Structures are given as C-alpha cells and as structure tokens.
Amino acid sequence: MKQQKNKVEEKRVKLKEATDKDDFESMKSLVEELQQELYSLGASVYQQANAASQATDDSNSDNKDDGDDVIDAEFTETK
C-alpha cells in the first residue's frame, strides 16, 4: 500500500511540474497514469476493507445470542 501511495505522490509531483511548464502532452499522459494508479490504490483499499468486514462477520457469527434477550409478555389496557 505504501508503495502505491508513493507512486501516486510521484505522479502528482510530475503532473504539477508539467502544469507549471504548460507541457500539455506530458500533462495528458501523466493524468492517465495518475488515474490508473488511483484506480489501483482504490481497488486495494476496497479489497482490504472487504476482507476486514468478512473477518468481523466471521468472528461475530461465533458469538451469537440466539435471541436470549427476547421477553414474551401480554399487555392489557385498563380504564
């Protein structure tokens, strides 16, 4: 993950330099490269979040109450 973050930062710096020089060809290619890096980074973050969610779901399934906290009662209305 840190390696991907470094790649994104590197592309951002290069894009900033190209923008300062008004180098439109470099800007175009760098925007595409940066976009691909961001997609890749987003996908890995999504996968990690999904894996963490599944791990949490698995650990919660072992600790189920099976509805022991339900109270059965009858209500009557008096006047």
PDB file of N, CA and C in Angstrom:
ATOM      1  N   MET A   1       0.831  -1.190   0.000  1.00  0.00           N
ATOM      2  CA  MET A   1       0.000   0.000   0.000  1.00  0.00           C
ATOM      3  C   MET A   1       0.875   1.253   0.000  1.00  0.00           C
ATOM      4  N   LYS A   2       1.932   1.236   0.802  1.00  0.00           N
ATOM      5  CA  LYS A   2       2.814   2.406   0.866  1.00  0.00           C
ATOM      6  C   LYS A   2       3.489   2.636  -0.484  1.00  0.00           C
ATOM      7  N   GLN A   3       3.831   1.546  -1.170  1.00  0.00           N
ATOM      8  CA  GLN A   3       4.455   1.668  -2.479  1.00  0.00           C
ATOM      9  C   GLN A   3       3.494   2.329  -3.469  1.00  0.00           C
ATOM     10  N   GLN A   4       2.225   1.948  -3.413  1.00  0.00           N
ATOM     11  CA  GLN A   4       1.232   2.558  -4.298  1.00  0.00           C
ATOM     12  C   GLN A   4       1.061   4.034  -3.971  1.00  0.00           C
ATOM     13  N   LYS A   5       1.059   4.356  -2.687  1.00  0.00           N
ATOM     14  CA  LYS A   5       0.923   5.754  -2.280  1.00  0.00           C
ATOM     15  C   LYS A   5       2.098   6.569  -2.797  1.00  0.00           C
ATOM     16  N   ASN A   6       3.289   5.999  -2.740  1.00  0.00           N
ATOM     17  CA  ASN A   6       4.476   6.703  -3.238  1.00  0.00           C
ATOM     18  C   ASN A   6       4.389   6.927  -4.743  1.00  0.00           C
ATOM     19  N   LYS A   7       3.865   5.946  -5.482  1.00  0.00           N
ATOM     20  CA  LYS A   7       3.700   6.103  -6.931  1.00  0.00           C
ATOM     21  C   LYS A   7       2.724   7.225  -7.246  1.00  0.00           C
ATOM     22  N   VAL A   8       1.628   7.277  -6.497  1.00  0.00           N
ATOM     23  CA  VAL A   8       0.634   8.328  -6.714  1.00  0.00           C
ATOM     24  C   VAL A   8       1.250   9.694  -6.428  1.00  0.00           C
ATOM     25  N   GLU A   9       1.987   9.783  -5.348  1.00  0.00           N
ATOM     26  CA  GLU A   9       2.625  11.059  -4.992  1.00  0.00           C
ATOM     27  C   GLU A   9       3.641  11.472  -6.057  1.00  0.00           C
ATOM     28  N   GLU A  10       4.396  10.514  -6.563  1.00  0.00           N
ATOM     29  CA  GLU A  10       5.384  10.798  -7.607  1.00  0.00           C
ATOM     30  C   GLU A  10       4.700  11.326  -8.877  1.00  0.00           C
ATOM     31  N   LYS A  11       3.619  10.683  -9.265  1.00  0.00           N
ATOM     32  CA  LYS A  11       2.877  11.127 -10.458  1.00  0.00           C
ATOM     33  C   LYS A  11       2.282  12.515 -10.236  1.00  0.00           C
ATOM     34  N   ARG A  12       1.814  12.773  -9.018  1.00  0.00           N
ATOM     35  CA  ARG A  12       1.234  14.080  -8.711  1.00  0.00           C
ATOM     36  C   ARG A  12       2.284  15.184  -8.851  1.00  0.00           C
ATOM     37  N   VAL A  13       3.479  14.925  -8.344  1.00  0.00           N
ATOM     38  CA  VAL A  13       4.554  15.915  -8.421  1.00  0.00           C
ATOM     39  C   VAL A  13       4.937  16.163  -9.884  1.00  0.00           C
ATOM     40  N   LYS A  14       5.052  15.087 -10.673  1.00  0.00           N
ATOM     41  CA  LYS A  14       5.391  15.249 -12.087  1.00  0.00           C
ATOM     42  C   LYS A  14       4.300  16.013 -12.829  1.00  0.00           C
ATOM     43  N   LEU A  15       3.056  15.727 -12.493  1.00  0.00           N
ATOM     44  CA  LEU A  15       1.941  16.433 -13.127  1.00  0.00           C
ATOM     45  C   LEU A  15       1.968  17.915 -12.764  1.00  0.00           C
ATOM     46  N   LYS A  16       2.278  18.229 -11.536  1.00  0.00           N
ATOM     47  CA  LYS A  16       2.379  19.627 -11.099  1.00  0.00           C
ATOM     48  C   LYS A  16       3.477  20.348 -11.880  1.00  0.00           C
ATOM     49  N   GLU A  17       4.621  19.669 -12.056  1.00  0.00           N
ATOM     50  CA  GLU A  17       5.722  20.266 -12.817  1.00  0.00           C
ATOM     51  C   GLU A  17       5.313  20.497 -14.272  1.00  0.00           C
ATOM     52  N   ALA A  18       4.638  19.523 -14.877  1.00  0.00           N
ATOM     53  CA  ALA A  18       4.190  19.665 -16.265  1.00  0.00           C
ATOM     54  C   ALA A  18       3.169  20.796 -16.384  1.00  0.00           C
ATOM     55  N   THR A  19       2.315  20.945 -15.382  1.00  0.00           N
ATOM     56  CA  THR A  19       1.321  22.015 -15.383  1.00  0.00           C
ATOM     57  C   THR A  19       2.007  23.377 -15.305  1.00  0.00           C
ATOM     58  N   ASP A  20       3.022  23.472 -14.467  1.00  0.00           N
ATOM     59  CA  ASP A  20       3.758  24.733 -14.335  1.00  0.00           C
ATOM     60  C   ASP A  20       4.456  25.126 -15.633  1.00  0.00           C
ATOM     61  N   LYS A  21       4.869  24.117 -16.423  1.00  0.00           N
ATOM     62  CA  LYS A  21       5.556  24.376 -17.693  1.00  0.00           C
ATOM     63  C   LYS A  21       4.598  24.463 -18.870  1.00  0.00           C
ATOM     64  N   ASP A  22       3.298  24.273 -18.623  1.00  0.00           N
ATOM     65  CA  ASP A  22       2.297  24.228 -19.692  1.00  0.00           C
ATOM     66  C   ASP A  22       2.637  23.170 -20.743  1.00  0.00           C
ATOM     67  N   ASP A  23       3.161  22.030 -20.302  1.00  0.00           N
ATOM     68  CA  ASP A  23       3.513  20.907 -21.179  1.00  0.00           C
ATOM     69  C   ASP A  23       2.289  19.999 -21.308  1.00  0.00           C
ATOM     70  N   PHE A  24       1.441  20.314 -22.298  1.00  0.00           N
ATOM     71  CA  PHE A  24       0.147  19.649 -22.411  1.00  0.00           C
ATOM     72  C   PHE A  24       0.251  18.170 -22.745  1.00  0.00           C
ATOM     73  N   GLU A  25       1.241  17.770 -23.549  1.00  0.00           N
ATOM     74  CA  GLU A  25       1.408  16.351 -23.884  1.00  0.00           C
ATOM     75  C   GLU A  25       1.764  15.544 -22.637  1.00  0.00           C
ATOM     76  N   SER A  26       2.688  16.056 -21.848  1.00  0.00           N
ATOM     77  CA  SER A  26       3.060  15.373 -20.605  1.00  0.00           C
ATOM     78  C   SER A  26       1.894  15.361 -19.630  1.00  0.00           C
ATOM     79  N   MET A  27       1.170  16.477 -19.577  1.00  0.00           N
ATOM     80  CA  MET A  27       0.021  16.555 -18.673  1.00  0.00           C
ATOM     81  C   MET A  27      -1.001  15.472 -19.011  1.00  0.00           C
ATOM     82  N   LYS A  28      -1.271  15.303 -20.281  1.00  0.00           N
ATOM     83  CA  LYS A  28      -2.262  14.319 -20.716  1.00  0.00           C
ATOM     84  C   LYS A  28      -1.850  12.902 -20.307  1.00  0.00           C
ATOM     85  N   SER A  29      -0.611  12.537 -20.594  1.00  0.00           N
ATOM     86  CA  SER A  29      -0.161  11.182 -20.260  1.00  0.00           C
ATOM     87  C   SER A  29      -0.058  10.992 -18.743  1.00  0.00           C
ATOM     88  N   LEU A  30       0.388  12.028 -18.026  1.00  0.00           N
ATOM     89  CA  LEU A  30       0.506  11.917 -16.577  1.00  0.00           C
ATOM     90  C   LEU A  30      -0.857  11.820 -15.892  1.00  0.00           C
ATOM     91  N   VAL A  31      -1.849  12.514 -16.422  1.00  0.00           N
ATOM     92  CA  VAL A  31      -3.201  12.412 -15.864  1.00  0.00           C
ATOM     93  C   VAL A  31      -3.709  10.982 -16.005  1.00  0.00           C
ATOM     94  N   GLU A  32      -3.479  10.382 -17.180  1.00  0.00           N
ATOM     95  CA  GLU A  32      -3.905   9.000 -17.389  1.00  0.00           C
ATOM     96  C   GLU A  32      -3.168   8.045 -16.457  1.00  0.00           C
ATOM     97  N   GLU A  33      -1.857   8.228 -16.296  1.00  0.00           N
ATOM     98  CA  GLU A  33      -1.068   7.375 -15.405  1.00  0.00           C
ATOM     99  C   GLU A  33      -1.524   7.539 -13.955  1.00  0.00           C
ATOM    100  N   LEU A  34      -1.754   8.780 -13.553  1.00  0.00           N
ATOM    101  CA  LEU A  34      -2.201   9.055 -12.196  1.00  0.00           C
ATOM    102  C   LEU A  34      -3.565   8.428 -11.946  1.00  0.00           C
ATOM    103  N   GLN A  35      -4.436   8.522 -12.928  1.00  0.00           N
ATOM    104  CA  GLN A  35      -5.765   7.940 -12.803  1.00  0.00           C
ATOM    105  C   GLN A  35      -5.675   6.423 -12.625  1.00  0.00           C
ATOM    106  N   GLN A  36      -4.808   5.769 -13.372  1.00  0.00           N
ATOM    107  CA  GLN A  36      -4.636   4.323 -13.245  1.00  0.00           C
ATOM    108  C   GLN A  36      -4.099   3.956 -11.862  1.00  0.00           C
ATOM    109  N   GLU A  37      -3.140   4.725 -11.364  1.00  0.00           N
ATOM    110  CA  GLU A  37      -2.597   4.476 -10.027  1.00  0.00           C
ATOM    111  C   GLU A  37      -3.677   4.649  -8.960  1.00  0.00           C
ATOM    112  N   LEU A  38      -4.514   5.683  -9.124  1.00  0.00           N
ATOM    113  CA  LEU A  38      -5.588   5.916  -8.160  1.00  0.00           C
ATOM    114  C   LEU A  38      -6.617   4.788  -8.194  1.00  0.00           C
ATOM    115  N   TYR A  39      -6.941   4.283  -9.396  1.00  0.00           N
ATOM    116  CA  TYR A  39      -7.859   3.142  -9.504  1.00  0.00           C
ATOM    117  C   TYR A  39      -7.281   1.926  -8.793  1.00  0.00           C
ATOM    118  N   SER A  40      -6.001   1.688  -9.017  1.00  0.00           N
ATOM    119  CA  SER A  40      -5.329   0.553  -8.396  1.00  0.00           C
ATOM    120  C   SER A  40      -5.327   0.686  -6.868  1.00  0.00           C
ATOM    121  N   LEU A  41      -5.010   1.884  -6.406  1.00  0.00           N
ATOM    122  CA  LEU A  41      -4.995   2.144  -4.965  1.00  0.00           C
ATOM    123  C   LEU A  41      -6.395   1.987  -4.373  1.00  0.00           C
ATOM    124  N   GLY A  42      -7.395   2.516  -5.056  1.00  0.00           N
ATOM    125  CA  GLY A  42      -8.779   2.390  -4.587  1.00  0.00           C
ATOM    126  C   GLY A  42      -9.226   0.942  -4.519  1.00  0.00           C
ATOM    127  N   ALA A  43      -8.837   0.154  -5.519  1.00  0.00           N
ATOM    128  CA  ALA A  43      -9.209  -1.263  -5.537  1.00  0.00           C
ATOM    129  C   ALA A  43      -8.573  -2.001  -4.364  1.00  0.00           C
ATOM    130  N   SER A  44      -7.334  -1.704  -4.058  1.00  0.00           N
ATOM    131  CA  SER A  44      -6.678  -2.397  -2.941  1.00  0.00           C
ATOM    132  C   SER A  44      -7.287  -1.978  -1.606  1.00  0.00           C
ATOM    133  N   VAL A  45      -7.653  -0.721  -1.476  1.00  0.00           N
ATOM    134  CA  VAL A  45      -8.311  -0.263  -0.246  1.00  0.00           C
ATOM    135  C   VAL A  45      -9.663  -0.957  -0.088  1.00  0.00           C
ATOM    136  N   TYR A  46     -10.404  -1.064  -1.184  1.00  0.00           N
ATOM    137  CA  TYR A  46     -11.707  -1.723  -1.171  1.00  0.00           C
ATOM    138  C   TYR A  46     -11.552  -3.194  -0.779  1.00  0.00           C
ATOM    139  N   GLN A  47     -10.537  -3.865  -1.330  1.00  0.00           N
ATOM    140  CA  GLN A  47     -10.308  -5.273  -1.008  1.00  0.00           C
ATOM    141  C   GLN A  47      -9.943  -5.446   0.458  1.00  0.00           C
ATOM    142  N   GLN A  48      -9.130  -4.561   0.989  1.00  0.00           N
ATOM    143  CA  GLN A  48      -8.749  -4.647   2.395  1.00  0.00           C
ATOM    144  C   GLN A  48      -9.961  -4.412   3.297  1.00  0.00           C
ATOM    145  N   ALA A  49     -10.798  -3.450   2.947  1.00  0.00           N
ATOM    146  CA  ALA A  49     -11.989  -3.170   3.739  1.00  0.00           C
ATOM    147  C   ALA A  49     -12.946  -4.355   3.683  1.00  0.00           C
ATOM    148  N   ASN A  50     -13.086  -4.958   2.519  1.00  0.00           N
ATOM    149  CA  ASN A  50     -13.959  -6.114   2.352  1.00  0.00           C
ATOM    150  C   ASN A  50     -13.430  -7.300   3.164  1.00  0.00           C
ATOM    151  N   ALA A  51     -12.121  -7.521   3.149  1.00  0.00           N
ATOM    152  CA  ALA A  51     -11.518  -8.612   3.917  1.00  0.00           C
ATOM    153  C   ALA A  51     -11.704  -8.380   5.420  1.00  0.00           C
ATOM    154  N   ALA A  52     -11.555  -7.141   5.855  1.00  0.00           N
ATOM    155  CA  ALA A  52     -11.747  -6.821   7.275  1.00  0.00           C
ATOM    156  C   ALA A  52     -13.200  -7.027   7.678  1.00  0.00           C
ATOM    157  N   SER A  53     -14.113  -6.667   6.787  1.00  0.00           N
ATOM    158  CA  SER A  53     -15.542  -6.850   7.056  1.00  0.00           C
ATOM    159  C   SER A  53     -15.882  -8.325   7.179  1.00  0.00           C
ATOM    160  N   GLN A  54     -15.330  -9.145   6.308  1.00  0.00           N
ATOM    161  CA  GLN A  54     -15.584 -10.582   6.363  1.00  0.00           C
ATOM    162  C   GLN A  54     -14.997 -11.182   7.624  1.00  0.00           C
ATOM    163  N   ALA A  55     -13.826 -10.718   8.032  1.00  0.00           N
ATOM    164  CA  ALA A  55     -13.213 -11.220   9.260  1.00  0.00           C
ATOM    165  C   ALA A  55     -14.078 -10.866  10.463  1.00  0.00           C
ATOM    166  N   THR A  56     -14.642  -9.670  10.465  1.00  0.00           N
ATOM    167  CA  THR A  56     -15.522  -9.245  11.556  1.00  0.00           C
ATOM    168  C   THR A  56     -16.798 -10.060  11.562  1.00  0.00           C
ATOM    169  N   ASP A  57     -17.364 -10.309  10.390  1.00  0.00           N
ATOM    170  CA  ASP A  57     -18.572 -11.120  10.295  1.00  0.00           C
ATOM    171  C   ASP A  57     -18.331 -12.534  10.790  1.00  0.00           C
ATOM    172  N   ASP A  58     -17.175 -13.093  10.466  1.00  0.00           N
ATOM    173  CA  ASP A  58     -16.853 -14.452  10.900  1.00  0.00           C
ATOM    174  C   ASP A  58     -16.706 -14.519  12.407  1.00  0.00           C
ATOM    175  N   SER A  59     -16.079 -13.523  13.013  1.00  0.00           N
ATOM    176  CA  SER A  59     -15.892 -13.545  14.460  1.00  0.00           C
ATOM    177  C   SER A  59     -17.211 -13.291  15.185  1.00  0.00           C
ATOM    178  N   ASN A  60     -18.101 -12.502  14.597  1.00  0.00           N
ATOM    179  CA  ASN A  60     -19.398 -12.243  15.217  1.00  0.00           C
ATOM    180  C   ASN A  60     -20.312 -13.446  15.147  1.00  0.00           C
ATOM    181  N   SER A  61     -20.151 -14.284  14.130  1.00  0.00           N
ATOM    182  CA  SER A  61     -21.036 -15.438  13.998  1.00  0.00           C
ATOM    183  C   SER A  61     -20.784 -16.449  15.107  1.00  0.00           C
ATOM    184  N   ASP A  62     -19.619 -16.442  15.717  1.00  0.00           N
ATOM    185  CA  ASP A  62     -19.321 -17.360  16.809  1.00  0.00           C
ATOM    186  C   ASP A  62     -19.953 -16.918  18.127  1.00  0.00           C
ATOM    187  N   ASN A  63     -20.307 -15.652  18.233  1.00  0.00           N
ATOM    188  CA  ASN A  63     -20.794 -15.100  19.493  1.00  0.00           C
ATOM    189  C   ASN A  63     -22.273 -14.741  19.458  1.00  0.00           C
ATOM    190  N   LYS A  64     -23.067 -15.477  18.733  1.00  0.00           N
ATOM    191  CA  LYS A  64     -24.487 -15.143  18.618  1.00  0.00           C
ATOM    192  C   LYS A  64     -25.223 -15.449  19.922  1.00  0.00           C
ATOM    193  N   ASP A  65     -26.263 -14.631  20.214  1.00  0.00           N
ATOM    194  CA  ASP A  65     -27.080 -14.837  21.400  1.00  0.00           C
ATOM    195  C   ASP A  65     -28.214 -15.816  21.155  1.00  0.00           C
ATOM    196  N   ASP A  66     -28.575 -16.012  19.920  1.00  0.00           N
ATOM    197  CA  ASP A  66     -29.717 -16.847  19.550  1.00  0.00           C
ATOM    198  C   ASP A  66     -31.019 -16.327  20.141  1.00  0.00           C
ATOM    199  N   GLY A  67     -31.144 -15.017  20.316  1.00  0.00           N
ATOM    200  CA  GLY A  67     -32.397 -14.410  20.746  1.00  0.00           C
ATOM    201  C   GLY A  67     -32.712 -14.559  22.222  1.00  0.00           C
ATOM    202  N   ASP A  68     -31.739 -14.752  23.072  1.00  0.00           N
ATOM    203  CA  ASP A  68     -31.989 -14.916  24.502  1.00  0.00           C
ATOM    204  C   ASP A  68     -32.490 -13.652  25.178  1.00  0.00           C
ATOM    205  N   ASP A  69     -32.393 -12.504  24.532  1.00  0.00           N
ATOM    206  CA  ASP A  69     -32.800 -11.255  25.141  1.00  0.00           C
ATOM    207  C   ASP A  69     -34.255 -10.905  24.852  1.00  0.00           C
ATOM    208  N   VAL A  70     -35.036 -11.829  24.287  1.00  0.00           N
ATOM    209  CA  VAL A  70     -36.445 -11.583  23.962  1.00  0.00           C
ATOM    210  C   VAL A  70     -37.290 -11.882  25.187  1.00  0.00           C
ATOM    211  N   ILE A  71     -38.209 -10.955  25.494  1.00  0.00           N
ATOM    212  CA  ILE A  71     -39.135 -11.144  26.616  1.00  0.00           C
ATOM    213  C   ILE A  71     -40.535 -11.233  26.066  1.00  0.00           C
ATOM    214  N   ASP A  72     -41.235 -12.313  26.414  1.00  0.00           N
ATOM    215  CA  ASP A  72     -42.600 -12.532  25.950  1.00  0.00           C
ATOM    216  C   ASP A  72     -43.541 -12.025  27.049  1.00  0.00           C
ATOM    217  N   ALA A  73     -44.464 -11.146  26.677  1.00  0.00           N
ATOM    218  CA  ALA A  73     -45.392 -10.588  27.679  1.00  0.00           C
ATOM    219  C   ALA A  73     -46.720 -10.296  27.015  1.00  0.00           C
ATOM    220  N   GLU A  74     -47.765 -10.276  27.852  1.00  0.00           N
ATOM    221  CA  GLU A  74     -49.101  -9.886  27.369  1.00  0.00           C
ATOM    222  C   GLU A  74     -49.433  -8.536  27.950  1.00  0.00           C
ATOM    223  N   PHE A  75     -50.073  -7.710  27.147  1.00  0.00           N
ATOM    224  CA  PHE A  75     -50.466  -6.384  27.594  1.00  0.00           C
ATOM    225  C   PHE A  75     -51.986  -6.299  27.620  1.00  0.00           C
ATOM    226  N   THR A  76     -52.479  -5.666  28.654  1.00  0.00           N
ATOM    227  CA  THR A  76     -53.920  -5.402  28.733  1.00  0.00           C
ATOM    228  C   THR A  76     -54.110  -3.939  29.022  1.00  0.00           C
ATOM    229  N   GLU A  77     -55.201  -3.413  28.536  1.00  0.00           N
ATOM    230  CA  GLU A  77     -55.491  -1.999  28.745  1.00  0.00           C
ATOM    231  C   GLU A  77     -56.603  -1.898  29.784  1.00  0.00           C
ATOM    232  N   THR A  78     -56.398  -1.122  30.822  1.00  0.00           N
ATOM    233  CA  THR A  78     -57.412  -0.905  31.848  1.00  0.00           C
ATOM    234  C   THR A  78     -57.846   0.552  31.827  1.00  0.00           C
ATOM    235  N   LYS A  79     -59.166   0.752  32.183  1.00  0.00           N
ATOM    236  CA  LYS A  79     -59.690   2.108  32.214  1.00  0.00           C
ATOM    237  C   LYS A  79     -60.181   2.459  33.584  1.00  0.00           C
TER     238      LYS A  79
END
